[in-house]
N, C-alpha and C. Protein backbone atom coordinates (compact mmCIF):
# COMPACT_ATOMS: atom_id res chain seq x y z
N MET A 1 0.84 -1.19 0.00
CA MET A 1 0.00 0.00 0.00
C MET A 1 0.88 1.25 0.00
N THR A 2 0.42 2.24 -0.72
CA THR A 2 1.15 3.50 -0.73
C THR A 2 0.75 4.34 0.48
N VAL A 3 1.54 5.35 0.75
CA VAL A 3 1.22 6.27 1.84
C VAL A 3 -0.14 6.91 1.58
N PHE A 4 -0.39 7.29 0.34
CA PHE A 4 -1.67 7.92 -0.02
C PHE A 4 -2.84 6.99 0.31
N THR A 5 -2.71 5.73 -0.06
CA THR A 5 -3.75 4.75 0.23
C THR A 5 -3.95 4.59 1.73
N ASN A 6 -2.85 4.58 2.46
CA ASN A 6 -2.94 4.46 3.92
C ASN A 6 -3.63 5.67 4.54
N VAL A 7 -3.33 6.86 4.04
CA VAL A 7 -3.97 8.07 4.57
C VAL A 7 -5.47 8.05 4.27
N LYS A 8 -5.83 7.63 3.06
CA LYS A 8 -7.25 7.54 2.71
C LYS A 8 -7.96 6.50 3.58
N ALA A 9 -7.30 5.39 3.85
CA ALA A 9 -7.90 4.36 4.71
C ALA A 9 -8.04 4.87 6.14
N THR A 10 -7.06 5.63 6.59
CA THR A 10 -7.12 6.21 7.93
C THR A 10 -8.28 7.20 8.02
N LEU A 11 -8.49 7.98 6.97
CA LEU A 11 -9.61 8.91 6.93
C LEU A 11 -10.93 8.15 7.04
N ALA A 12 -11.06 7.09 6.30
CA ALA A 12 -12.30 6.28 6.36
C ALA A 12 -12.51 5.72 7.77
N SER A 13 -11.44 5.26 8.38
CA SER A 13 -11.54 4.74 9.75
C SER A 13 -11.94 5.83 10.73
N ALA A 14 -11.35 7.01 10.57
CA ALA A 14 -11.67 8.13 11.46
C ALA A 14 -13.14 8.52 11.33
N LYS A 15 -13.66 8.49 10.11
CA LYS A 15 -15.08 8.81 9.91
C LYS A 15 -15.97 7.75 10.57
N ALA A 16 -15.56 6.50 10.50
CA ALA A 16 -16.33 5.44 11.15
C ALA A 16 -16.31 5.61 12.67
N ILE A 17 -15.16 5.97 13.21
CA ILE A 17 -15.04 6.20 14.65
C ILE A 17 -15.91 7.38 15.06
N GLN A 18 -15.90 8.44 14.28
CA GLN A 18 -16.72 9.60 14.58
C GLN A 18 -18.21 9.22 14.60
N SER A 19 -18.60 8.43 13.64
CA SER A 19 -19.98 7.97 13.57
C SER A 19 -20.36 7.14 14.80
N GLU A 20 -19.44 6.30 15.23
CA GLU A 20 -19.70 5.47 16.41
C GLU A 20 -19.80 6.33 17.67
N PHE A 21 -18.93 7.32 17.82
CA PHE A 21 -19.04 8.23 18.96
C PHE A 21 -20.38 8.95 18.96
N SER A 22 -20.82 9.36 17.79
CA SER A 22 -22.11 10.04 17.67
C SER A 22 -23.25 9.10 18.09
N ARG A 23 -23.19 7.87 17.63
CA ARG A 23 -24.21 6.89 17.98
C ARG A 23 -24.23 6.65 19.48
N LEU A 24 -23.05 6.48 20.06
CA LEU A 24 -22.97 6.24 21.50
C LEU A 24 -23.49 7.43 22.30
N ALA A 25 -23.19 8.63 21.83
CA ALA A 25 -23.68 9.84 22.52
C ALA A 25 -25.20 9.89 22.51
N GLN A 26 -25.79 9.40 21.44
CA GLN A 26 -27.25 9.45 21.32
C GLN A 26 -27.95 8.36 22.13
N ILE A 27 -27.33 7.20 22.25
CA ILE A 27 -28.05 6.09 22.88
C ILE A 27 -27.79 5.95 24.38
N THR A 28 -26.73 6.56 24.87
CA THR A 28 -26.43 6.40 26.29
C THR A 28 -27.40 7.22 27.14
N LYS A 29 -27.73 6.68 28.28
CA LYS A 29 -28.64 7.37 29.19
C LYS A 29 -27.88 8.22 30.21
N ASP A 30 -26.59 7.97 30.34
CA ASP A 30 -25.75 8.71 31.27
C ASP A 30 -25.33 10.03 30.61
N GLN A 31 -25.77 11.13 31.18
CA GLN A 31 -25.49 12.45 30.59
C GLN A 31 -24.00 12.75 30.51
N GLU A 32 -23.26 12.36 31.54
CA GLU A 32 -21.82 12.60 31.53
C GLU A 32 -21.13 11.80 30.42
N ALA A 33 -21.51 10.55 30.29
CA ALA A 33 -20.94 9.71 29.23
C ALA A 33 -21.32 10.26 27.86
N SER A 34 -22.55 10.70 27.73
CA SER A 34 -23.00 11.27 26.46
C SER A 34 -22.16 12.50 26.10
N ALA A 35 -21.90 13.34 27.08
CA ALA A 35 -21.09 14.54 26.84
C ALA A 35 -19.66 14.16 26.44
N ILE A 36 -19.12 13.13 27.06
CA ILE A 36 -17.77 12.68 26.73
C ILE A 36 -17.73 12.13 25.30
N PHE A 37 -18.72 11.32 24.95
CA PHE A 37 -18.77 10.79 23.58
C PHE A 37 -18.90 11.92 22.57
N HIS A 38 -19.71 12.92 22.89
CA HIS A 38 -19.88 14.06 21.99
C HIS A 38 -18.57 14.83 21.85
N GLU A 39 -17.87 15.01 22.95
CA GLU A 39 -16.58 15.70 22.90
C GLU A 39 -15.58 14.92 22.04
N CYS A 40 -15.56 13.61 22.20
CA CYS A 40 -14.68 12.77 21.38
C CYS A 40 -15.04 12.90 19.90
N MET A 41 -16.33 12.94 19.63
CA MET A 41 -16.79 13.09 18.25
C MET A 41 -16.28 14.41 17.66
N MET A 42 -16.32 15.46 18.46
CA MET A 42 -15.85 16.76 17.98
C MET A 42 -14.33 16.77 17.79
N GLU A 43 -13.61 16.10 18.67
CA GLU A 43 -12.16 16.04 18.54
C GLU A 43 -11.74 15.25 17.31
N ILE A 44 -12.43 14.16 17.04
CA ILE A 44 -12.08 13.36 15.85
C ILE A 44 -12.41 14.15 14.58
N ASP A 45 -13.34 15.09 14.69
CA ASP A 45 -13.66 15.94 13.54
C ASP A 45 -12.43 16.75 13.13
N ASP A 46 -11.66 17.21 14.10
CA ASP A 46 -10.42 17.94 13.79
C ASP A 46 -9.42 17.02 13.07
N VAL A 47 -9.34 15.78 13.51
CA VAL A 47 -8.45 14.81 12.87
C VAL A 47 -8.89 14.57 11.43
N ILE A 48 -10.20 14.42 11.24
CA ILE A 48 -10.74 14.20 9.89
C ILE A 48 -10.39 15.38 8.99
N HIS A 49 -10.56 16.57 9.51
CA HIS A 49 -10.24 17.77 8.73
C HIS A 49 -8.76 17.78 8.34
N ASP A 50 -7.89 17.46 9.29
CA ASP A 50 -6.45 17.43 9.00
C ASP A 50 -6.11 16.37 7.95
N LEU A 51 -6.74 15.21 8.05
CA LEU A 51 -6.49 14.15 7.06
C LEU A 51 -6.97 14.57 5.68
N GLN A 52 -8.12 15.23 5.62
CA GLN A 52 -8.63 15.70 4.33
C GLN A 52 -7.68 16.72 3.72
N GLN A 53 -7.14 17.60 4.55
CA GLN A 53 -6.17 18.57 4.05
C GLN A 53 -4.91 17.88 3.55
N ARG A 54 -4.47 16.86 4.27
CA ARG A 54 -3.27 16.12 3.86
C ARG A 54 -3.50 15.44 2.52
N ILE A 55 -4.67 14.86 2.34
CA ILE A 55 -5.00 14.21 1.06
C ILE A 55 -4.97 15.23 -0.07
N GLU A 56 -5.56 16.38 0.15
CA GLU A 56 -5.56 17.42 -0.88
C GLU A 56 -4.14 17.89 -1.18
N PHE A 57 -3.32 18.01 -0.15
CA PHE A 57 -1.92 18.39 -0.35
C PHE A 57 -1.19 17.34 -1.18
N MET A 58 -1.41 16.08 -0.84
CA MET A 58 -0.74 15.01 -1.58
C MET A 58 -1.19 14.99 -3.04
N LYS A 59 -2.46 15.24 -3.28
CA LYS A 59 -2.96 15.29 -4.65
C LYS A 59 -2.30 16.44 -5.42
N ALA A 60 -2.12 17.57 -4.75
CA ALA A 60 -1.52 18.73 -5.40
C ALA A 60 -0.04 18.52 -5.67
N GLU A 61 0.63 17.80 -4.80
CA GLU A 61 2.07 17.62 -4.92
C GLU A 61 2.48 16.42 -5.78
N GLU A 62 1.66 15.41 -5.82
CA GLU A 62 2.03 14.18 -6.52
C GLU A 62 1.07 13.92 -7.67
N LEU A 63 1.58 13.95 -8.87
CA LEU A 63 0.74 13.74 -10.06
C LEU A 63 -0.02 12.43 -10.01
N GLN A 64 0.59 11.39 -9.49
CA GLN A 64 -0.03 10.07 -9.50
C GLN A 64 -1.29 9.99 -8.64
N TYR A 65 -1.48 10.95 -7.72
CA TYR A 65 -2.64 10.91 -6.83
C TYR A 65 -3.77 11.84 -7.27
N ARG A 66 -3.59 12.60 -8.29
CA ARG A 66 -4.56 13.64 -8.66
C ARG A 66 -5.93 13.10 -9.02
N ASN A 67 -6.01 11.94 -9.59
CA ASN A 67 -7.31 11.39 -9.98
C ASN A 67 -7.87 10.42 -8.95
N SER A 68 -7.26 10.37 -7.79
CA SER A 68 -7.71 9.43 -6.75
C SER A 68 -8.76 10.06 -5.87
């Protein structure tokens, strides 16, 4: 696997984790736990944003990734 492929796979995993945190925040009855899950969801959003920026940078810098 190339670094680009690994970064894209990591982005997909991060989105899945964010979705799971969101689901857990919604279904838990414990308000404190719900708040923690929501906070984690928001923090992973920053990671997702950074990964998306990295992918765009890689596409701009490497011709082989432009159509990916």
